[in-house]
Amino acid sequence: MTDISEINLASLWGNYRALGCDRLILSGVMVLLGEARKWISRAIPNAEFTIIRLLASNDTLLSRLERREIGPGMEDQVRRTLMQADHIATIGGAGTDGKTPQEIASELLDQIGWLTNH
């Protein structure tokens, strides 16, 4: 392992497994799913994946960035975010505009059956 994300995920997963956890929600901007699957699979061998893409309008993305980003890096982050969002939008996913994080989580957990199966 050479990527810090992979190393950290392997460590976290080992700790959660030691506590008896058998499921993990991993979030992040993963534009290239094939590449992400490779490092995640190395970090969590024999994992089963359920991938859900979340989409938001550019206005929503910019609003979220304004609340979290500060300083001179904001312009570059906006550019990267909009470029990634354009690519992801061509693939499709579940819309998040106007929903709270709790509403989104509840919908997704219900969709993948984690609320009823565990």
PDB file of N, CA and C in Angstrom:
ATOM      1  N   MET A   1       0.834  -1.184   0.000  1.00  0.00           N
ATOM      2  CA  MET A   1       0.000   0.000   0.000  1.00  0.00           C
ATOM      3  C   MET A   1       0.880   1.248   0.000  1.00  0.00           C
ATOM      4  N   THR A   2       0.548   2.171  -0.873  1.00  0.00           N
ATOM      5  CA  THR A   2       1.299   3.416  -0.887  1.00  0.00           C
ATOM      6  C   THR A   2       0.410   4.643  -0.772  1.00  0.00           C
ATOM      7  N   ASP A   3      -0.877   4.513  -0.997  1.00  0.00           N
ATOM      8  CA  ASP A   3      -1.795   5.634  -0.933  1.00  0.00           C
ATOM      9  C   ASP A   3      -2.313   5.800   0.498  1.00  0.00           C
ATOM     10  N   ILE A   4      -2.286   7.028   1.006  1.00  0.00           N
ATOM     11  CA  ILE A   4      -2.693   7.261   2.391  1.00  0.00           C
ATOM     12  C   ILE A   4      -4.164   6.895   2.609  1.00  0.00           C
ATOM     13  N   SER A   5      -5.009   7.127   1.611  1.00  0.00           N
ATOM     14  CA  SER A   5      -6.422   6.767   1.758  1.00  0.00           C
ATOM     15  C   SER A   5      -6.577   5.258   1.928  1.00  0.00           C
ATOM     16  N   GLU A   6      -5.838   4.514   1.158  1.00  0.00           N
ATOM     17  CA  GLU A   6      -5.887   3.057   1.248  1.00  0.00           C
ATOM     18  C   GLU A   6      -5.368   2.563   2.601  1.00  0.00           C
ATOM     19  N   ILE A   7      -4.268   3.122   3.042  1.00  0.00           N
ATOM     20  CA  ILE A   7      -3.688   2.742   4.328  1.00  0.00           C
ATOM     21  C   ILE A   7      -4.654   3.076   5.467  1.00  0.00           C
ATOM     22  N   ASN A   8      -5.216   4.278   5.436  1.00  0.00           N
ATOM     23  CA  ASN A   8      -6.154   4.685   6.484  1.00  0.00           C
ATOM     24  C   ASN A   8      -7.407   3.815   6.486  1.00  0.00           C
ATOM     25  N   LEU A   9      -7.952   3.525   5.303  1.00  0.00           N
ATOM     26  CA  LEU A   9      -9.151   2.700   5.231  1.00  0.00           C
ATOM     27  C   LEU A   9      -8.878   1.302   5.761  1.00  0.00           C
ATOM     28  N   ALA A  10      -7.756   0.717   5.421  1.00  0.00           N
ATOM     29  CA  ALA A  10      -7.412  -0.621   5.918  1.00  0.00           C
ATOM     30  C   ALA A  10      -7.323  -0.614   7.442  1.00  0.00           C
ATOM     31  N   SER A  11      -6.734   0.415   7.991  1.00  0.00           N
ATOM     32  CA  SER A  11      -6.607   0.521   9.444  1.00  0.00           C
ATOM     33  C   SER A  11      -7.968   0.701  10.110  1.00  0.00           C
ATOM     34  N   LEU A  12      -8.772   1.607   9.585  1.00  0.00           N
ATOM     35  CA  LEU A  12     -10.106   1.830  10.144  1.00  0.00           C
ATOM     36  C   LEU A  12     -10.956   0.566  10.069  1.00  0.00           C
ATOM     37  N   TRP A  13     -10.926  -0.089   8.914  1.00  0.00           N
ATOM     38  CA  TRP A  13     -11.738  -1.295   8.752  1.00  0.00           C
ATOM     39  C   TRP A  13     -11.299  -2.369   9.746  1.00  0.00           C
ATOM     40  N   GLY A  14     -10.010  -2.534   9.927  1.00  0.00           N
ATOM     41  CA  GLY A  14      -9.521  -3.513  10.899  1.00  0.00           C
ATOM     42  C   GLY A  14     -10.013  -3.217  12.300  1.00  0.00           C
ATOM     43  N   ASN A  15     -10.021  -1.953  12.650  1.00  0.00           N
ATOM     44  CA  ASN A  15     -10.507  -1.562  13.979  1.00  0.00           C
ATOM     45  C   ASN A  15     -12.005  -1.807  14.119  1.00  0.00           C
ATOM     46  N   TYR A  16     -12.776  -1.439  13.109  1.00  0.00           N
ATOM     47  CA  TYR A  16     -14.227  -1.660  13.178  1.00  0.00           C
ATOM     48  C   TYR A  16     -14.568  -3.148  13.179  1.00  0.00           C
ATOM     49  N   ARG A  17     -13.850  -3.924  12.398  1.00  0.00           N
ATOM     50  CA  ARG A  17     -14.074  -5.389  12.383  1.00  0.00           C
ATOM     51  C   ARG A  17     -13.794  -5.967  13.768  1.00  0.00           C
ATOM     52  N   ALA A  18     -12.738  -5.485  14.407  1.00  0.00           N
ATOM     53  CA  ALA A  18     -12.404  -5.970  15.748  1.00  0.00           C
ATOM     54  C   ALA A  18     -13.522  -5.661  16.747  1.00  0.00           C
ATOM     55  N   LEU A  19     -14.303  -4.637  16.467  1.00  0.00           N
ATOM     56  CA  LEU A  19     -15.432  -4.276  17.327  1.00  0.00           C
ATOM     57  C   LEU A  19     -16.729  -4.973  16.912  1.00  0.00           C
ATOM     58  N   GLY A  20     -16.640  -5.817  15.878  1.00  0.00           N
ATOM     59  CA  GLY A  20     -17.813  -6.572  15.448  1.00  0.00           C
ATOM     60  C   GLY A  20     -18.615  -5.964  14.313  1.00  0.00           C
ATOM     61  N   CYS A  21     -18.164  -4.869  13.751  1.00  0.00           N
ATOM     62  CA  CYS A  21     -18.889  -4.260  12.636  1.00  0.00           C
ATOM     63  C   CYS A  21     -18.694  -5.091  11.371  1.00  0.00           C
ATOM     64  N   ASP A  22     -19.757  -5.174  10.576  1.00  0.00           N
ATOM     65  CA  ASP A  22     -19.637  -5.917   9.326  1.00  0.00           C
ATOM     66  C   ASP A  22     -20.074  -5.095   8.112  1.00  0.00           C
ATOM     67  N   ARG A  23     -20.322  -3.813   8.334  1.00  0.00           N
ATOM     68  CA  ARG A  23     -20.706  -2.926   7.244  1.00  0.00           C
ATOM     69  C   ARG A  23     -20.016  -1.580   7.428  1.00  0.00           C
ATOM     70  N   LEU A  24     -19.786  -0.933   6.306  1.00  0.00           N
ATOM     71  CA  LEU A  24     -19.105   0.350   6.335  1.00  0.00           C
ATOM     72  C   LEU A  24     -19.656   1.217   5.217  1.00  0.00           C
ATOM     73  N   ILE A  25     -19.918   2.458   5.531  1.00  0.00           N
ATOM     74  CA  ILE A  25     -20.304   3.422   4.506  1.00  0.00           C
ATOM     75  C   ILE A  25     -19.088   4.281   4.239  1.00  0.00           C
ATOM     76  N   LEU A  26     -18.670   4.288   3.005  1.00  0.00           N
ATOM     77  CA  LEU A  26     -17.507   5.057   2.587  1.00  0.00           C
ATOM     78  C   LEU A  26     -17.999   6.153   1.653  1.00  0.00           C
ATOM     79  N   SER A  27     -17.745   7.378   2.012  1.00  0.00           N
ATOM     80  CA  SER A  27     -18.191   8.477   1.162  1.00  0.00           C
ATOM     81  C   SER A  27     -16.990   9.232   0.622  1.00  0.00           C
ATOM     82  N   GLY A  28     -17.199   9.823  -0.512  1.00  0.00           N
ATOM     83  CA  GLY A  28     -16.151  10.627  -1.117  1.00  0.00           C
ATOM     84  C   GLY A  28     -16.485  10.903  -2.563  1.00  0.00           C
ATOM     85  N   VAL A  29     -15.725  11.789  -3.150  1.00  0.00           N
ATOM     86  CA  VAL A  29     -15.886  12.076  -4.572  1.00  0.00           C
ATOM     87  C   VAL A  29     -15.029  11.066  -5.321  1.00  0.00           C
ATOM     88  N   MET A  30     -15.701  10.137  -5.948  1.00  0.00           N
ATOM     89  CA  MET A  30     -15.013   9.077  -6.679  1.00  0.00           C
ATOM     90  C   MET A  30     -15.483   9.110  -8.126  1.00  0.00           C
ATOM     91  N   VAL A  31     -14.821   9.940  -8.894  1.00  0.00           N
ATOM     92  CA  VAL A  31     -15.208  10.122 -10.286  1.00  0.00           C
ATOM     93  C   VAL A  31     -14.902   8.863 -11.084  1.00  0.00           C
ATOM     94  N   LEU A  32     -13.747   8.272 -10.853  1.00  0.00           N
ATOM     95  CA  LEU A  32     -13.336   7.067 -11.579  1.00  0.00           C
ATOM     96  C   LEU A  32     -13.566   5.856 -10.678  1.00  0.00           C
ATOM     97  N   LEU A  33     -14.748   5.264 -10.779  1.00  0.00           N
ATOM     98  CA  LEU A  33     -15.111   4.156  -9.891  1.00  0.00           C
ATOM     99  C   LEU A  33     -14.190   2.955 -10.033  1.00  0.00           C
ATOM    100  N   GLY A  34     -13.740   2.673 -11.226  1.00  0.00           N
ATOM    101  CA  GLY A  34     -12.844   1.532 -11.428  1.00  0.00           C
ATOM    102  C   GLY A  34     -11.579   1.663 -10.603  1.00  0.00           C
ATOM    103  N   GLU A  35     -11.003   2.840 -10.598  1.00  0.00           N
ATOM    104  CA  GLU A  35      -9.793   3.082  -9.808  1.00  0.00           C
ATOM    105  C   GLU A  35     -10.103   3.029  -8.316  1.00  0.00           C
ATOM    106  N   ALA A  36     -11.215   3.602  -7.918  1.00  0.00           N
ATOM    107  CA  ALA A  36     -11.588   3.588  -6.502  1.00  0.00           C
ATOM    108  C   ALA A  36     -11.812   2.160  -6.025  1.00  0.00           C
ATOM    109  N   ARG A  37     -12.475   1.347  -6.832  1.00  0.00           N
ATOM    110  CA  ARG A  37     -12.717  -0.055  -6.455  1.00  0.00           C
ATOM    111  C   ARG A  37     -11.411  -0.805  -6.194  1.00  0.00           C
ATOM    112  N   LYS A  38     -10.383  -0.505  -6.968  1.00  0.00           N
ATOM    113  CA  LYS A  38      -9.106  -1.205  -6.816  1.00  0.00           C
ATOM    114  C   LYS A  38      -8.498  -0.947  -5.440  1.00  0.00           C
ATOM    115  N   TRP A  39      -8.377   0.326  -5.053  1.00  0.00           N
ATOM    116  CA  TRP A  39      -7.720   0.604  -3.774  1.00  0.00           C
ATOM    117  C   TRP A  39      -8.612   0.236  -2.601  1.00  0.00           C
ATOM    118  N   ILE A  40      -9.921   0.358  -2.764  1.00  0.00           N
ATOM    119  CA  ILE A  40     -10.823  -0.047  -1.686  1.00  0.00           C
ATOM    120  C   ILE A  40     -10.768  -1.563  -1.509  1.00  0.00           C
ATOM    121  N   SER A  41     -10.722  -2.291  -2.608  1.00  0.00           N
ATOM    122  CA  SER A  41     -10.627  -3.759  -2.540  1.00  0.00           C
ATOM    123  C   SER A  41      -9.336  -4.217  -1.886  1.00  0.00           C
ATOM    124  N   ARG A  42      -8.260  -3.500  -2.125  1.00  0.00           N
ATOM    125  CA  ARG A  42      -7.001  -3.844  -1.462  1.00  0.00           C
ATOM    126  C   ARG A  42      -7.079  -3.548   0.028  1.00  0.00           C
ATOM    127  N   ALA A  43      -7.744  -2.460   0.395  1.00  0.00           N
ATOM    128  CA  ALA A  43      -7.853  -2.072   1.809  1.00  0.00           C
ATOM    129  C   ALA A  43      -8.820  -2.967   2.562  1.00  0.00           C
ATOM    130  N   ILE A  44      -9.883  -3.411   1.881  1.00  0.00           N
ATOM    131  CA  ILE A  44     -10.899  -4.266   2.506  1.00  0.00           C
ATOM    132  C   ILE A  44     -11.084  -5.495   1.618  1.00  0.00           C
ATOM    133  N   PRO A  45     -10.210  -6.481   1.742  1.00  0.00           N
ATOM    134  CA  PRO A  45     -10.304  -7.669   0.895  1.00  0.00           C
ATOM    135  C   PRO A  45     -11.654  -8.371   1.065  1.00  0.00           C
ATOM    136  N   ASN A  46     -12.154  -8.919  -0.027  1.00  0.00           N
ATOM    137  CA  ASN A  46     -13.405  -9.683  -0.061  1.00  0.00           C
ATOM    138  C   ASN A  46     -14.641  -8.846   0.263  1.00  0.00           C
ATOM    139  N   ALA A  47     -14.546  -7.544   0.120  1.00  0.00           N
ATOM    140  CA  ALA A  47     -15.694  -6.673   0.395  1.00  0.00           C
ATOM    141  C   ALA A  47     -16.719  -6.782  -0.726  1.00  0.00           C
ATOM    142  N   GLU A  48     -17.974  -6.677  -0.340  1.00  0.00           N
ATOM    143  CA  GLU A  48     -19.065  -6.545  -1.303  1.00  0.00           C
ATOM    144  C   GLU A  48     -19.415  -5.071  -1.377  1.00  0.00           C
ATOM    145  N   PHE A  49     -19.608  -4.557  -2.580  1.00  0.00           N
ATOM    146  CA  PHE A  49     -19.852  -3.136  -2.767  1.00  0.00           C
ATOM    147  C   PHE A  49     -21.286  -2.858  -3.189  1.00  0.00           C
ATOM    148  N   THR A  50     -21.841  -1.816  -2.653  1.00  0.00           N
ATOM    149  CA  THR A  50     -23.053  -1.196  -3.169  1.00  0.00           C
ATOM    150  C   THR A  50     -22.678   0.253  -3.415  1.00  0.00           C
ATOM    151  N   ILE A  51     -22.705   0.652  -4.655  1.00  0.00           N
ATOM    152  CA  ILE A  51     -22.299   2.007  -5.003  1.00  0.00           C
ATOM    153  C   ILE A  51     -23.533   2.827  -5.312  1.00  0.00           C
ATOM    154  N   ILE A  52     -23.612   3.972  -4.677  1.00  0.00           N
ATOM    155  CA  ILE A  52     -24.714   4.896  -4.914  1.00  0.00           C
ATOM    156  C   ILE A  52     -24.111   6.261  -5.205  1.00  0.00           C
ATOM    157  N   ARG A  53     -24.439   6.780  -6.340  1.00  0.00           N
ATOM    158  CA  ARG A  53     -23.975   8.113  -6.716  1.00  0.00           C
ATOM    159  C   ARG A  53     -25.013   9.130  -6.277  1.00  0.00           C
ATOM    160  N   LEU A  54     -24.549  10.172  -5.621  1.00  0.00           N
ATOM    161  CA  LEU A  54     -25.418  11.262  -5.210  1.00  0.00           C
ATOM    162  C   LEU A  54     -25.155  12.467  -6.108  1.00  0.00           C
ATOM    163  N   LEU A  55     -26.216  13.090  -6.543  1.00  0.00           N
ATOM    164  CA  LEU A  55     -26.104  14.250  -7.426  1.00  0.00           C
ATOM    165  C   LEU A  55     -26.738  15.470  -6.777  1.00  0.00           C
ATOM    166  N   ALA A  56     -26.179  16.626  -7.072  1.00  0.00           N
ATOM    167  CA  ALA A  56     -26.751  17.893  -6.630  1.00  0.00           C
ATOM    168  C   ALA A  56     -26.582  18.894  -7.764  1.00  0.00           C
ATOM    169  N   SER A  57     -27.452  19.875  -7.797  1.00  0.00           N
ATOM    170  CA  SER A  57     -27.333  20.920  -8.814  1.00  0.00           C
ATOM    171  C   SER A  57     -26.071  21.734  -8.556  1.00  0.00           C
ATOM    172  N   ASN A  58     -25.619  22.441  -9.575  1.00  0.00           N
ATOM    173  CA  ASN A  58     -24.440  23.294  -9.401  1.00  0.00           C
ATOM    174  C   ASN A  58     -24.684  24.345  -8.331  1.00  0.00           C
ATOM    175  N   ASP A  59     -25.898  24.897  -8.267  1.00  0.00           N
ATOM    176  CA  ASP A  59     -26.206  25.888  -7.230  1.00  0.00           C
ATOM    177  C   ASP A  59     -26.042  25.291  -5.839  1.00  0.00           C
ATOM    178  N   THR A  60     -26.534  24.069  -5.647  1.00  0.00           N
ATOM    179  CA  THR A  60     -26.403  23.404  -4.346  1.00  0.00           C
ATOM    180  C   THR A  60     -24.940  23.124  -4.029  1.00  0.00           C
ATOM    181  N   LEU A  61     -24.198  22.645  -5.006  1.00  0.00           N
ATOM    182  CA  LEU A  61     -22.771  22.373  -4.783  1.00  0.00           C
ATOM    183  C   LEU A  61     -22.027  23.647  -4.392  1.00  0.00           C
ATOM    184  N   LEU A  62     -22.300  24.739  -5.092  1.00  0.00           N
ATOM    185  CA  LEU A  62     -21.622  25.999  -4.786  1.00  0.00           C
ATOM    186  C   LEU A  62     -22.006  26.510  -3.397  1.00  0.00           C
ATOM    187  N   SER A  63     -23.253  26.346  -3.030  1.00  0.00           N
ATOM    188  CA  SER A  63     -23.699  26.749  -1.693  1.00  0.00           C
ATOM    189  C   SER A  63     -22.976  25.946  -0.620  1.00  0.00           C
ATOM    190  N   ARG A  64     -22.835  24.644  -0.847  1.00  0.00           N
ATOM    191  CA  ARG A  64     -22.129  23.789   0.121  1.00  0.00           C
ATOM    192  C   ARG A  64     -20.662  24.184   0.230  1.00  0.00           C
ATOM    193  N   LEU A  65     -20.044  24.473  -0.916  1.00  0.00           N
ATOM    194  CA  LEU A  65     -18.639  24.887  -0.898  1.00  0.00           C
ATOM    195  C   LEU A  65     -18.458  26.204  -0.148  1.00  0.00           C
ATOM    196  N   GLU A  66     -19.364  27.150  -0.350  1.00  0.00           N
ATOM    197  CA  GLU A  66     -19.267  28.437   0.332  1.00  0.00           C
ATOM    198  C   GLU A  66     -19.324  28.283   1.847  1.00  0.00           C
ATOM    199  N   ARG A  67     -20.059  27.293   2.325  1.00  0.00           N
ATOM    200  CA  ARG A  67     -20.171  27.078   3.770  1.00  0.00           C
ATOM    201  C   ARG A  67     -18.947  26.376   4.339  1.00  0.00           C
ATOM    202  N   ARG A  68     -18.197  25.662   3.506  1.00  0.00           N
ATOM    203  CA  ARG A  68     -17.111  24.856   4.064  1.00  0.00           C
ATOM    204  C   ARG A  68     -15.716  25.304   3.654  1.00  0.00           C
ATOM    205  N   GLU A  69     -15.554  25.917   2.507  1.00  0.00           N
ATOM    206  CA  GLU A  69     -14.221  26.299   2.025  1.00  0.00           C
ATOM    207  C   GLU A  69     -13.892  27.731   2.418  1.00  0.00           C
ATOM    208  N   ILE A  70     -12.631  27.960   2.755  1.00  0.00           N
ATOM    209  CA  ILE A  70     -12.180  29.311   3.062  1.00  0.00           C
ATOM    210  C   ILE A  70     -10.841  29.537   2.384  1.00  0.00           C
ATOM    211  N   GLY A  71     -10.503  30.784   2.215  1.00  0.00           N
ATOM    212  CA  GLY A  71      -9.182  31.123   1.728  1.00  0.00           C
ATOM    213  C   GLY A  71      -9.034  31.074   0.223  1.00  0.00           C
ATOM    214  N   PRO A  72      -7.793  31.160  -0.208  1.00  0.00           N
ATOM    215  CA  PRO A  72      -7.499  31.281  -1.633  1.00  0.00           C
ATOM    216  C   PRO A  72      -7.756  30.008  -2.455  1.00  0.00           C
ATOM    217  N   GLY A  73      -7.941  28.883  -1.814  1.00  0.00           N
ATOM    218  CA  GLY A  73      -8.183  27.644  -2.548  1.00  0.00           C
ATOM    219  C   GLY A  73      -9.596  27.487  -3.052  1.00  0.00           C
ATOM    220  N   MET A  74     -10.477  28.396  -2.667  1.00  0.00           N
ATOM    221  CA  MET A  74     -11.894  28.285  -3.027  1.00  0.00           C
ATOM    222  C   MET A  74     -12.101  28.242  -4.540  1.00  0.00           C
ATOM    223  N   GLU A  75     -11.439  29.108  -5.267  1.00  0.00           N
ATOM    224  CA  GLU A  75     -11.635  29.170  -6.725  1.00  0.00           C
ATOM    225  C   GLU A  75     -11.256  27.853  -7.393  1.00  0.00           C
ATOM    226  N   ASP A  76     -10.126  27.284  -7.002  1.00  0.00           N
ATOM    227  CA  ASP A  76      -9.710  25.993  -7.565  1.00  0.00           C
ATOM    228  C   ASP A  76     -10.679  24.881  -7.184  1.00  0.00           C
ATOM    229  N   GLN A  77     -11.174  24.908  -5.944  1.00  0.00           N
ATOM    230  CA  GLN A  77     -12.122  23.886  -5.496  1.00  0.00           C
ATOM    231  C   GLN A  77     -13.425  23.984  -6.273  1.00  0.00           C
ATOM    232  N   VAL A  78     -13.900  25.190  -6.527  1.00  0.00           N
ATOM    233  CA  VAL A  78     -15.121  25.376  -7.321  1.00  0.00           C
ATOM    234  C   VAL A  78     -14.926  24.798  -8.720  1.00  0.00           C
ATOM    235  N   ARG A  79     -13.808  25.109  -9.329  1.00  0.00           N
ATOM    236  CA  ARG A  79     -13.518  24.593 -10.676  1.00  0.00           C
ATOM    237  C   ARG A  79     -13.497  23.069 -10.693  1.00  0.00           C
ATOM    238  N   ARG A  80     -12.785  22.460  -9.742  1.00  0.00           N
ATOM    239  CA  ARG A  80     -12.711  20.990  -9.679  1.00  0.00           C
ATOM    240  C   ARG A  80     -14.084  20.378  -9.412  1.00  0.00           C
ATOM    241  N   THR A  81     -14.819  20.977  -8.483  1.00  0.00           N
ATOM    242  CA  THR A  81     -16.133  20.444  -8.127  1.00  0.00           C
ATOM    243  C   THR A  81     -17.080  20.457  -9.311  1.00  0.00           C
ATOM    244  N   LEU A  82     -17.143  21.566 -10.035  1.00  0.00           N
ATOM    245  CA  LEU A  82     -18.050  21.657 -11.183  1.00  0.00           C
ATOM    246  C   LEU A  82     -17.632  20.717 -12.308  1.00  0.00           C
ATOM    247  N   MET A  83     -16.330  20.549 -12.511  1.00  0.00           N
ATOM    248  CA  MET A  83     -15.844  19.627 -13.530  1.00  0.00           C
ATOM    249  C   MET A  83     -16.208  18.183 -13.165  1.00  0.00           C
ATOM    250  N   GLN A  84     -16.000  17.808 -11.905  1.00  0.00           N
ATOM    251  CA  GLN A  84     -16.352  16.461 -11.459  1.00  0.00           C
ATOM    252  C   GLN A  84     -17.864  16.246 -11.527  1.00  0.00           C
ATOM    253  N   ALA A  85     -18.629  17.250 -11.134  1.00  0.00           N
ATOM    254  CA  ALA A  85     -20.090  17.129 -11.155  1.00  0.00           C
ATOM    255  C   ALA A  85     -20.595  16.930 -12.581  1.00  0.00           C
ATOM    256  N   ASP A  86     -20.007  17.625 -13.541  1.00  0.00           N
ATOM    257  CA  ASP A  86     -20.408  17.449 -14.940  1.00  0.00           C
ATOM    258  C   ASP A  86     -20.168  16.016 -15.398  1.00  0.00           C
ATOM    259  N   HIS A  87     -19.020  15.467 -15.026  1.00  0.00           N
ATOM    260  CA  HIS A  87     -18.711  14.086 -15.412  1.00  0.00           C
ATOM    261  C   HIS A  87     -19.659  13.102 -14.726  1.00  0.00           C
ATOM    262  N   ILE A  88     -19.858  13.264 -13.445  1.00  0.00           N
ATOM    263  CA  ILE A  88     -20.714  12.352 -12.687  1.00  0.00           C
ATOM    264  C   ILE A  88     -22.162  12.428 -13.178  1.00  0.00           C
ATOM    265  N   ALA A  89     -22.614  13.624 -13.561  1.00  0.00           N
ATOM    266  CA  ALA A  89     -23.993  13.791 -14.032  1.00  0.00           C
ATOM    267  C   ALA A  89     -24.268  12.966 -15.287  1.00  0.00           C
ATOM    268  N   THR A  90     -23.233  12.702 -16.091  1.00  0.00           N
ATOM    269  CA  THR A  90     -23.437  11.893 -17.297  1.00  0.00           C
ATOM    270  C   THR A  90     -23.683  10.429 -16.949  1.00  0.00           C
ATOM    271  N   ILE A  91     -23.285  10.031 -15.743  1.00  0.00           N
ATOM    272  CA  ILE A  91     -23.451   8.646 -15.298  1.00  0.00           C
ATOM    273  C   ILE A  91     -24.806   8.458 -14.631  1.00  0.00           C
ATOM    274  N   GLY A  92     -25.256   9.477 -13.915  1.00  0.00           N
ATOM    275  CA  GLY A  92     -26.545   9.408 -13.225  1.00  0.00           C
ATOM    276  C   GLY A  92     -26.398   9.046 -11.767  1.00  0.00           C
ATOM    277  N   GLY A  93     -27.465   9.306 -11.009  1.00  0.00           N
ATOM    278  CA  GLY A  93     -27.450   9.009  -9.587  1.00  0.00           C
ATOM    279  C   GLY A  93     -28.683   9.557  -8.908  1.00  0.00           C
ATOM    280  N   ALA A  94     -28.691   9.503  -7.596  1.00  0.00           N
ATOM    281  CA  ALA A  94     -29.828   9.956  -6.788  1.00  0.00           C
ATOM    282  C   ALA A  94     -29.669  11.433  -6.458  1.00  0.00           C
ATOM    283  N   GLY A  95     -30.728  12.205  -6.670  1.00  0.00           N
ATOM    284  CA  GLY A  95     -30.692  13.636  -6.402  1.00  0.00           C
ATOM    285  C   GLY A  95     -30.747  13.936  -4.916  1.00  0.00           C
ATOM    286  N   THR A  96     -30.058  15.013  -4.514  1.00  0.00           N
ATOM    287  CA  THR A  96     -30.010  15.382  -3.102  1.00  0.00           C
ATOM    288  C   THR A  96     -30.504  16.790  -2.825  1.00  0.00           C
ATOM    289  N   ASP A  97     -30.826  17.551  -3.858  1.00  0.00           N
ATOM    290  CA  ASP A  97     -31.238  18.940  -3.652  1.00  0.00           C
ATOM    291  C   ASP A  97     -32.450  19.018  -2.731  1.00  0.00           C
ATOM    292  N   GLY A  98     -32.380  19.926  -1.763  1.00  0.00           N
ATOM    293  CA  GLY A  98     -33.494  20.167  -0.866  1.00  0.00           C
ATOM    294  C   GLY A  98     -33.678  19.136   0.231  1.00  0.00           C
ATOM    295  N   LYS A  99     -32.781  18.182   0.332  1.00  0.00           N
ATOM    296  CA  LYS A  99     -32.897  17.138   1.351  1.00  0.00           C
ATOM    297  C   LYS A  99     -31.821  17.322   2.408  1.00  0.00           C
ATOM    298  N   THR A 100     -32.166  17.001   3.639  1.00  0.00           N
ATOM    299  CA  THR A 100     -31.190  17.056   4.720  1.00  0.00           C
ATOM    300  C   THR A 100     -30.298  15.810   4.641  1.00  0.00           C
ATOM    301  N   PRO A 101     -29.122  15.860   5.247  1.00  0.00           N
ATOM    302  CA  PRO A 101     -28.289  14.660   5.283  1.00  0.00           C
ATOM    303  C   PRO A 101     -29.026  13.461   5.897  1.00  0.00           C
ATOM    304  N   GLN A 102     -29.848  13.711   6.904  1.00  0.00           N
ATOM    305  CA  GLN A 102     -30.595  12.630   7.552  1.00  0.00           C
ATOM    306  C   GLN A 102     -31.608  12.008   6.576  1.00  0.00           C
ATOM    307  N   GLU A 103     -32.277  12.848   5.789  1.00  0.00           N
ATOM    308  CA  GLU A 103     -33.237  12.333   4.804  1.00  0.00           C
ATOM    309  C   GLU A 103     -32.535  11.505   3.739  1.00  0.00           C
ATOM    310  N   ILE A 104     -31.409  11.991   3.279  1.00  0.00           N
ATOM    311  CA  ILE A 104     -30.646  11.262   2.258  1.00  0.00           C
ATOM    312  C   ILE A 104     -30.182   9.920   2.815  1.00  0.00           C
ATOM    313  N   ALA A 105     -29.620   9.921   4.010  1.00  0.00           N
ATOM    314  CA  ALA A 105     -29.140   8.682   4.621  1.00  0.00           C
ATOM    315  C   ALA A 105     -30.269   7.682   4.804  1.00  0.00           C
ATOM    316  N   SER A 106     -31.399   8.141   5.291  1.00  0.00           N
ATOM    317  CA  SER A 106     -32.537   7.251   5.510  1.00  0.00           C
ATOM    318  C   SER A 106     -33.017   6.626   4.203  1.00  0.00           C
ATOM    319  N   GLU A 107     -33.130   7.444   3.160  1.00  0.00           N
ATOM    320  CA  GLU A 107     -33.558   6.935   1.853  1.00  0.00           C
ATOM    321  C   GLU A 107     -32.583   5.889   1.312  1.00  0.00           C
ATOM    322  N   LEU A 108     -31.297   6.189   1.419  1.00  0.00           N
ATOM    323  CA  LEU A 108     -30.296   5.271   0.871  1.00  0.00           C
ATOM    324  C   LEU A 108     -30.221   3.972   1.661  1.00  0.00           C
ATOM    325  N   LEU A 109     -30.267   4.064   2.986  1.00  0.00           N
ATOM    326  CA  LEU A 109     -30.238   2.853   3.804  1.00  0.00           C
ATOM    327  C   LEU A 109     -31.457   1.983   3.531  1.00  0.00           C
ATOM    328  N   ASP A 110     -32.597   2.606   3.337  1.00  0.00           N
ATOM    329  CA  ASP A 110     -33.808   1.865   2.993  1.00  0.00           C
ATOM    330  C   ASP A 110     -33.678   1.236   1.609  1.00  0.00           C
ATOM    331  N   GLN A 111     -33.135   1.994   0.681  1.00  0.00           N
ATOM    332  CA  GLN A 111     -32.959   1.511  -0.697  1.00  0.00           C
ATOM    333  C   GLN A 111     -32.076   0.266  -0.770  1.00  0.00           C
ATOM    334  N   ILE A 112     -31.018   0.237   0.013  1.00  0.00           N
ATOM    335  CA  ILE A 112     -30.111  -0.921  -0.039  1.00  0.00           C
ATOM    336  C   ILE A 112     -30.482  -1.998   0.968  1.00  0.00           C
ATOM    337  N   GLY A 113     -31.547  -1.756   1.737  1.00  0.00           N
ATOM    338  CA  GLY A 113     -32.064  -2.783   2.620  1.00  0.00           C
ATOM    339  C   GLY A 113     -31.376  -2.911   3.965  1.00  0.00           C
ATOM    340  N   TRP A 114     -30.559  -1.955   4.332  1.00  0.00           N
ATOM    341  CA  TRP A 114     -29.852  -2.063   5.601  1.00  0.00           C
ATOM    342  C   TRP A 114     -30.751  -1.823   6.800  1.00  0.00           C
ATOM    343  N   LEU A 115     -31.822  -1.083   6.624  1.00  0.00           N
ATOM    344  CA  LEU A 115     -32.710  -0.821   7.762  1.00  0.00           C
ATOM    345  C   LEU A 115     -33.565  -2.011   8.103  1.00  0.00           C
ATOM    346  N   THR A 116     -33.860  -2.842   7.126  1.00  0.00           N
ATOM    347  CA  THR A 116     -34.734  -3.997   7.366  1.00  0.00           C
ATOM    348  C   THR A 116     -33.959  -5.287   7.544  1.00  0.00           C
ATOM    349  N   ASN A 117     -32.733  -5.348   7.098  1.00  0.00           N
ATOM    350  CA  ASN A 117     -31.979  -6.602   7.114  1.00  0.00           C
ATOM    351  C   ASN A 117     -31.002  -6.729   8.263  1.00  0.00           C
ATOM    352  N   HIS A 118     -30.946  -5.748   9.115  1.00  0.00           N
ATOM    353  CA  HIS A 118     -29.896  -5.807  10.142  1.00  0.00           C
ATOM    354  C   HIS A 118     -30.451  -5.530  11.511  1.00  0.00           C
TER     355      HIS A 118
END
